[in-house]
Amino acid sequence: MKSIKRGMVIDIDLNPVKGSETRKIRPCVVVTNDIYNQIIPVIQVVPITSWNEKKSQIHTNVFLEPSKENGLTKKSIADCLQTRPIDYQHRLVKIRGKLSENKLTEIDRALKLIFDLI
């Protein structure tokens, strides 16, 4: 299996879920550091969802423009509030690409806000 790196955009099967958790197979951003990514199969991801005006107003959502580098095909939002651990050895569907450092920095800022690390 290909090694998973921080900032990669990967399709993950998020099912089964409960309540309002983000569901189905969808792209996610890997946010754990590469040391953990190499030695532990459980990683933290931020699910990516379709962009809309309402979602764009939430301060912890990060806008993502589709590109060849990230592998996204439409305007999207990284929903940092829905961050979750996954075992990629069981949930990985495919690797799409990688986010730019600038977008990863925006996600880092959102996660710091969510987890009160600022």
N, C-alpha and C. Protein backbone atom coordinates (compact mmCIF):
# COMPACT_ATOMS: atom_id res chain seq x y z
N MET A 1 0.85 -1.19 0.00
CA MET A 1 0.00 0.00 0.00
C MET A 1 0.89 1.24 0.00
N LYS A 2 0.49 2.24 -0.76
CA LYS A 2 1.24 3.49 -0.84
C LYS A 2 1.24 4.20 0.51
N SER A 3 2.36 4.86 0.82
CA SER A 3 2.42 5.56 2.11
C SER A 3 1.54 6.81 2.06
N ILE A 4 0.93 7.08 3.18
CA ILE A 4 0.02 8.21 3.32
C ILE A 4 0.81 9.38 3.90
N LYS A 5 0.65 10.57 3.32
CA LYS A 5 1.38 11.76 3.74
C LYS A 5 0.41 12.87 4.12
N ARG A 6 0.85 13.69 5.06
CA ARG A 6 0.08 14.87 5.47
C ARG A 6 -0.19 15.75 4.25
N GLY A 7 -1.43 16.21 4.14
CA GLY A 7 -1.81 17.09 3.03
C GLY A 7 -2.36 16.35 1.83
N MET A 8 -2.28 15.02 1.82
CA MET A 8 -2.83 14.26 0.70
C MET A 8 -4.36 14.35 0.71
N VAL A 9 -4.93 14.33 -0.47
CA VAL A 9 -6.38 14.23 -0.63
C VAL A 9 -6.66 12.80 -1.04
N ILE A 10 -7.41 12.09 -0.19
CA ILE A 10 -7.69 10.67 -0.41
C ILE A 10 -9.18 10.41 -0.28
N ASP A 11 -9.69 9.50 -1.08
CA ASP A 11 -11.09 9.09 -0.96
C ASP A 11 -11.19 8.05 0.14
N ILE A 12 -12.11 8.28 1.08
CA ILE A 12 -12.29 7.41 2.24
C ILE A 12 -13.76 7.01 2.32
N ASP A 13 -13.99 5.75 2.64
CA ASP A 13 -15.35 5.27 2.92
C ASP A 13 -15.65 5.56 4.39
N LEU A 14 -16.44 6.60 4.64
CA LEU A 14 -16.74 7.03 6.01
C LEU A 14 -17.89 6.27 6.65
N ASN A 15 -18.51 5.37 5.92
CA ASN A 15 -19.61 4.58 6.48
C ASN A 15 -19.06 3.42 7.29
N PRO A 16 -19.72 2.98 8.33
CA PRO A 16 -20.98 3.48 8.87
C PRO A 16 -20.77 4.72 9.74
N VAL A 17 -21.82 5.48 9.88
CA VAL A 17 -21.80 6.70 10.70
C VAL A 17 -23.01 6.69 11.62
N LYS A 18 -23.03 7.64 12.53
CA LYS A 18 -24.18 7.84 13.42
C LYS A 18 -24.53 9.32 13.42
N GLY A 19 -25.82 9.59 13.54
CA GLY A 19 -26.28 10.98 13.67
C GLY A 19 -25.87 11.87 12.52
N SER A 20 -25.27 13.02 12.84
CA SER A 20 -24.92 14.04 11.85
C SER A 20 -23.50 13.93 11.32
N GLU A 21 -22.81 12.80 11.57
CA GLU A 21 -21.46 12.64 11.07
C GLU A 21 -21.46 12.62 9.54
N THR A 22 -20.36 13.10 8.96
CA THR A 22 -20.21 13.08 7.51
C THR A 22 -20.15 11.64 7.04
N ARG A 23 -20.90 11.34 5.99
CA ARG A 23 -21.05 9.96 5.55
C ARG A 23 -20.61 9.76 4.11
N LYS A 24 -20.66 8.56 3.65
CA LYS A 24 -20.40 8.02 2.31
C LYS A 24 -18.92 8.09 1.92
N ILE A 25 -18.62 7.63 0.72
CA ILE A 25 -17.26 7.73 0.20
C ILE A 25 -17.06 9.16 -0.27
N ARG A 26 -16.01 9.79 0.26
CA ARG A 26 -15.76 11.17 -0.12
C ARG A 26 -14.27 11.49 0.04
N PRO A 27 -13.83 12.56 -0.63
CA PRO A 27 -12.44 12.97 -0.44
C PRO A 27 -12.23 13.53 0.96
N CYS A 28 -11.04 13.30 1.49
CA CYS A 28 -10.65 13.80 2.81
C CYS A 28 -9.20 14.26 2.73
N VAL A 29 -8.83 15.18 3.62
CA VAL A 29 -7.45 15.66 3.72
C VAL A 29 -6.79 15.00 4.93
N VAL A 30 -5.62 14.42 4.73
CA VAL A 30 -4.85 13.84 5.83
C VAL A 30 -4.21 14.98 6.62
N VAL A 31 -4.46 15.03 7.94
CA VAL A 31 -3.91 16.12 8.76
C VAL A 31 -2.93 15.65 9.84
N THR A 32 -2.77 14.35 10.02
CA THR A 32 -1.78 13.87 10.99
C THR A 32 -0.38 14.02 10.39
N ASN A 33 0.61 14.10 11.28
CA ASN A 33 1.98 14.28 10.80
C ASN A 33 2.53 12.97 10.22
N ASP A 34 3.57 13.11 9.41
CA ASP A 34 4.08 11.96 8.67
C ASP A 34 4.74 10.90 9.54
N ILE A 35 5.20 11.27 10.73
CA ILE A 35 5.76 10.26 11.64
C ILE A 35 4.66 9.27 12.02
N TYR A 36 3.51 9.79 12.46
CA TYR A 36 2.38 8.91 12.80
C TYR A 36 1.86 8.18 11.57
N ASN A 37 1.80 8.88 10.45
CA ASN A 37 1.28 8.26 9.23
C ASN A 37 2.09 7.04 8.81
N GLN A 38 3.37 7.01 9.13
CA GLN A 38 4.23 5.89 8.74
C GLN A 38 4.10 4.69 9.68
N ILE A 39 3.76 4.94 10.95
CA ILE A 39 3.82 3.84 11.92
C ILE A 39 2.48 3.39 12.46
N ILE A 40 1.44 4.19 12.27
CA ILE A 40 0.13 3.87 12.83
C ILE A 40 -0.91 3.89 11.71
N PRO A 41 -1.74 2.85 11.58
CA PRO A 41 -2.72 2.84 10.50
C PRO A 41 -3.92 3.77 10.74
N VAL A 42 -4.07 4.27 11.95
CA VAL A 42 -5.17 5.19 12.24
C VAL A 42 -4.65 6.62 12.09
N ILE A 43 -5.27 7.35 11.16
CA ILE A 43 -4.87 8.73 10.87
C ILE A 43 -6.07 9.65 11.07
N GLN A 44 -5.80 10.95 11.21
CA GLN A 44 -6.86 11.96 11.30
C GLN A 44 -7.09 12.54 9.91
N VAL A 45 -8.34 12.67 9.54
CA VAL A 45 -8.68 13.28 8.26
C VAL A 45 -9.75 14.35 8.44
N VAL A 46 -9.75 15.30 7.52
CA VAL A 46 -10.80 16.30 7.44
C VAL A 46 -11.63 15.98 6.19
N PRO A 47 -12.91 15.65 6.36
CA PRO A 47 -13.75 15.37 5.19
C PRO A 47 -13.94 16.60 4.31
N ILE A 48 -14.07 16.36 3.02
CA ILE A 48 -14.32 17.40 2.03
C ILE A 48 -15.73 17.23 1.52
N THR A 49 -16.44 18.34 1.42
CA THR A 49 -17.83 18.31 0.95
C THR A 49 -18.02 19.36 -0.14
N SER A 50 -19.13 19.30 -0.83
CA SER A 50 -19.43 20.26 -1.90
C SER A 50 -19.57 21.67 -1.34
N TRP A 51 -19.09 22.63 -2.10
CA TRP A 51 -19.19 24.04 -1.72
C TRP A 51 -20.62 24.52 -1.88
N ASN A 52 -21.07 25.34 -0.96
CA ASN A 52 -22.28 26.16 -1.16
C ASN A 52 -22.12 27.42 -0.33
N GLU A 53 -22.95 28.39 -0.60
CA GLU A 53 -22.84 29.70 0.05
C GLU A 53 -22.94 29.60 1.57
N LYS A 54 -23.86 28.81 2.07
CA LYS A 54 -24.04 28.66 3.52
C LYS A 54 -22.80 28.09 4.17
N LYS A 55 -22.24 27.02 3.59
CA LYS A 55 -21.04 26.40 4.15
C LYS A 55 -19.84 27.34 4.09
N SER A 56 -19.81 28.20 3.08
CA SER A 56 -18.66 29.10 2.92
C SER A 56 -18.62 30.17 4.01
N GLN A 57 -19.72 30.38 4.72
CA GLN A 57 -19.77 31.38 5.78
C GLN A 57 -19.25 30.87 7.12
N ILE A 58 -19.02 29.59 7.24
CA ILE A 58 -18.54 29.00 8.49
C ILE A 58 -17.03 29.19 8.55
N HIS A 59 -16.53 29.84 9.60
CA HIS A 59 -15.11 30.23 9.69
C HIS A 59 -14.14 29.06 9.72
N THR A 60 -14.60 27.91 10.15
CA THR A 60 -13.70 26.75 10.23
C THR A 60 -13.78 25.86 8.98
N ASN A 61 -14.53 26.27 7.99
CA ASN A 61 -14.54 25.59 6.70
C ASN A 61 -13.52 26.25 5.79
N VAL A 62 -12.78 25.47 5.04
CA VAL A 62 -11.73 25.99 4.16
C VAL A 62 -12.12 25.70 2.71
N PHE A 63 -12.19 26.77 1.92
CA PHE A 63 -12.55 26.65 0.50
C PHE A 63 -11.42 25.97 -0.27
N LEU A 64 -11.79 25.03 -1.15
CA LEU A 64 -10.82 24.32 -1.99
C LEU A 64 -11.25 24.41 -3.45
N GLU A 65 -10.41 24.96 -4.27
CA GLU A 65 -10.63 25.05 -5.71
C GLU A 65 -10.12 23.76 -6.36
N PRO A 66 -10.86 23.18 -7.30
CA PRO A 66 -10.37 21.96 -7.95
C PRO A 66 -9.11 22.24 -8.78
N SER A 67 -8.19 21.26 -8.78
CA SER A 67 -6.96 21.39 -9.57
C SER A 67 -6.42 20.00 -9.88
N LYS A 68 -5.49 19.94 -10.81
CA LYS A 68 -4.83 18.67 -11.12
C LYS A 68 -4.03 18.18 -9.93
N GLU A 69 -3.47 19.11 -9.17
CA GLU A 69 -2.63 18.74 -8.03
C GLU A 69 -3.43 18.08 -6.91
N ASN A 70 -4.62 18.62 -6.61
CA ASN A 70 -5.40 18.06 -5.49
C ASN A 70 -6.38 16.97 -5.93
N GLY A 71 -6.65 16.86 -7.21
CA GLY A 71 -7.52 15.81 -7.72
C GLY A 71 -9.00 16.06 -7.53
N LEU A 72 -9.37 17.22 -7.01
CA LEU A 72 -10.79 17.54 -6.84
C LEU A 72 -11.37 17.96 -8.18
N THR A 73 -12.67 17.71 -8.38
CA THR A 73 -13.31 18.01 -9.66
C THR A 73 -14.33 19.14 -9.59
N LYS A 74 -14.58 19.64 -8.36
CA LYS A 74 -15.53 20.75 -8.21
C LYS A 74 -15.15 21.58 -7.00
N LYS A 75 -15.71 22.80 -6.93
CA LYS A 75 -15.47 23.65 -5.77
C LYS A 75 -15.92 22.91 -4.52
N SER A 76 -15.09 22.94 -3.49
CA SER A 76 -15.35 22.14 -2.30
C SER A 76 -15.01 22.90 -1.03
N ILE A 77 -15.36 22.29 0.08
CA ILE A 77 -15.09 22.82 1.42
C ILE A 77 -14.44 21.71 2.24
N ALA A 78 -13.32 22.02 2.91
CA ALA A 78 -12.77 21.11 3.91
C ALA A 78 -13.50 21.43 5.21
N ASP A 79 -14.31 20.50 5.68
CA ASP A 79 -15.16 20.69 6.86
C ASP A 79 -14.39 20.30 8.12
N CYS A 80 -13.60 21.23 8.63
CA CYS A 80 -12.68 20.94 9.73
C CYS A 80 -13.39 20.55 11.03
N LEU A 81 -14.64 20.93 11.19
CA LEU A 81 -15.39 20.54 12.38
C LEU A 81 -15.67 19.03 12.40
N GLN A 82 -15.65 18.39 11.24
CA GLN A 82 -15.95 16.96 11.14
C GLN A 82 -14.69 16.09 11.16
N THR A 83 -13.56 16.63 11.60
CA THR A 83 -12.32 15.87 11.68
C THR A 83 -12.55 14.55 12.41
N ARG A 84 -11.96 13.48 11.88
CA ARG A 84 -12.16 12.18 12.53
C ARG A 84 -11.02 11.21 12.25
N PRO A 85 -10.82 10.27 13.17
CA PRO A 85 -9.81 9.24 12.95
C PRO A 85 -10.37 8.14 12.05
N ILE A 86 -9.52 7.61 11.19
CA ILE A 86 -9.92 6.48 10.35
C ILE A 86 -8.74 5.52 10.22
N ASP A 87 -9.03 4.26 10.04
CA ASP A 87 -8.01 3.26 9.74
C ASP A 87 -7.94 3.17 8.22
N TYR A 88 -6.94 3.82 7.66
CA TYR A 88 -6.88 3.91 6.19
C TYR A 88 -6.66 2.55 5.53
N GLN A 89 -6.12 1.58 6.25
CA GLN A 89 -5.93 0.27 5.65
C GLN A 89 -7.27 -0.41 5.34
N HIS A 90 -8.34 0.02 6.02
CA HIS A 90 -9.66 -0.55 5.80
C HIS A 90 -10.60 0.41 5.07
N ARG A 91 -10.33 1.71 5.11
CA ARG A 91 -11.27 2.69 4.56
C ARG A 91 -10.79 3.41 3.30
N LEU A 92 -9.51 3.30 2.96
CA LEU A 92 -8.98 3.99 1.79
C LEU A 92 -9.57 3.43 0.51
N VAL A 93 -10.10 4.31 -0.34
CA VAL A 93 -10.64 3.92 -1.64
C VAL A 93 -9.65 4.28 -2.74
N LYS A 94 -9.14 5.52 -2.73
CA LYS A 94 -8.13 5.92 -3.72
C LYS A 94 -7.43 7.19 -3.26
N ILE A 95 -6.29 7.45 -3.87
CA ILE A 95 -5.53 8.67 -3.63
C ILE A 95 -5.79 9.61 -4.78
N ARG A 96 -6.17 10.86 -4.47
CA ARG A 96 -6.47 11.86 -5.51
C ARG A 96 -5.29 12.76 -5.82
N GLY A 97 -4.66 13.29 -4.76
CA GLY A 97 -3.58 14.26 -4.97
C GLY A 97 -3.14 14.85 -3.65
N LYS A 98 -2.71 16.12 -3.71
CA LYS A 98 -2.17 16.79 -2.53
C LYS A 98 -2.57 18.26 -2.54
N LEU A 99 -2.85 18.79 -1.34
CA LEU A 99 -3.16 20.21 -1.21
C LEU A 99 -1.89 21.04 -1.23
N SER A 100 -2.04 22.31 -1.58
CA SER A 100 -0.92 23.24 -1.50
C SER A 100 -0.60 23.52 -0.03
N GLU A 101 0.60 23.98 0.23
CA GLU A 101 0.99 24.34 1.60
C GLU A 101 0.10 25.46 2.14
N ASN A 102 -0.30 26.40 1.29
CA ASN A 102 -1.17 27.50 1.73
C ASN A 102 -2.51 26.97 2.23
N LYS A 103 -3.10 26.02 1.52
CA LYS A 103 -4.39 25.46 1.94
C LYS A 103 -4.23 24.63 3.21
N LEU A 104 -3.12 23.92 3.31
CA LEU A 104 -2.87 23.14 4.52
C LEU A 104 -2.71 24.07 5.74
N THR A 105 -2.09 25.21 5.54
CA THR A 105 -1.95 26.20 6.61
C THR A 105 -3.32 26.73 7.02
N GLU A 106 -4.21 26.96 6.06
CA GLU A 106 -5.58 27.41 6.39
C GLU A 106 -6.31 26.35 7.21
N ILE A 107 -6.14 25.09 6.84
CA ILE A 107 -6.76 24.00 7.60
C ILE A 107 -6.17 23.94 9.00
N ASP A 108 -4.86 24.09 9.13
CA ASP A 108 -4.22 24.11 10.45
C ASP A 108 -4.83 25.20 11.33
N ARG A 109 -5.02 26.39 10.76
CA ARG A 109 -5.62 27.50 11.53
C ARG A 109 -7.02 27.16 11.99
N ALA A 110 -7.80 26.56 11.11
CA ALA A 110 -9.18 26.18 11.46
C ALA A 110 -9.18 25.13 12.58
N LEU A 111 -8.29 24.16 12.48
CA LEU A 111 -8.22 23.11 13.51
C LEU A 111 -7.79 23.69 14.85
N LYS A 112 -6.87 24.64 14.84
CA LYS A 112 -6.45 25.30 16.08
C LYS A 112 -7.63 26.02 16.72
N LEU A 113 -8.45 26.65 15.91
CA LEU A 113 -9.64 27.34 16.42
C LEU A 113 -10.63 26.34 17.01
N ILE A 114 -10.89 25.27 16.30
CA ILE A 114 -11.84 24.25 16.76
C ILE A 114 -11.40 23.62 18.07
N PHE A 115 -10.11 23.30 18.17
CA PHE A 115 -9.62 22.61 19.36
C PHE A 115 -9.07 23.57 20.41
N ASP A 116 -9.33 24.87 20.22
CA ASP A 116 -8.95 25.90 21.20
C ASP A 116 -7.45 25.87 21.49
N LEU A 117 -6.66 25.80 20.42
CA LEU A 117 -5.20 25.75 20.54
C LEU A 117 -4.55 27.09 20.19
N ILE A 118 -5.37 28.12 20.04
CA ILE A 118 -4.84 29.45 19.70
C ILE A 118 -4.71 30.26 20.97
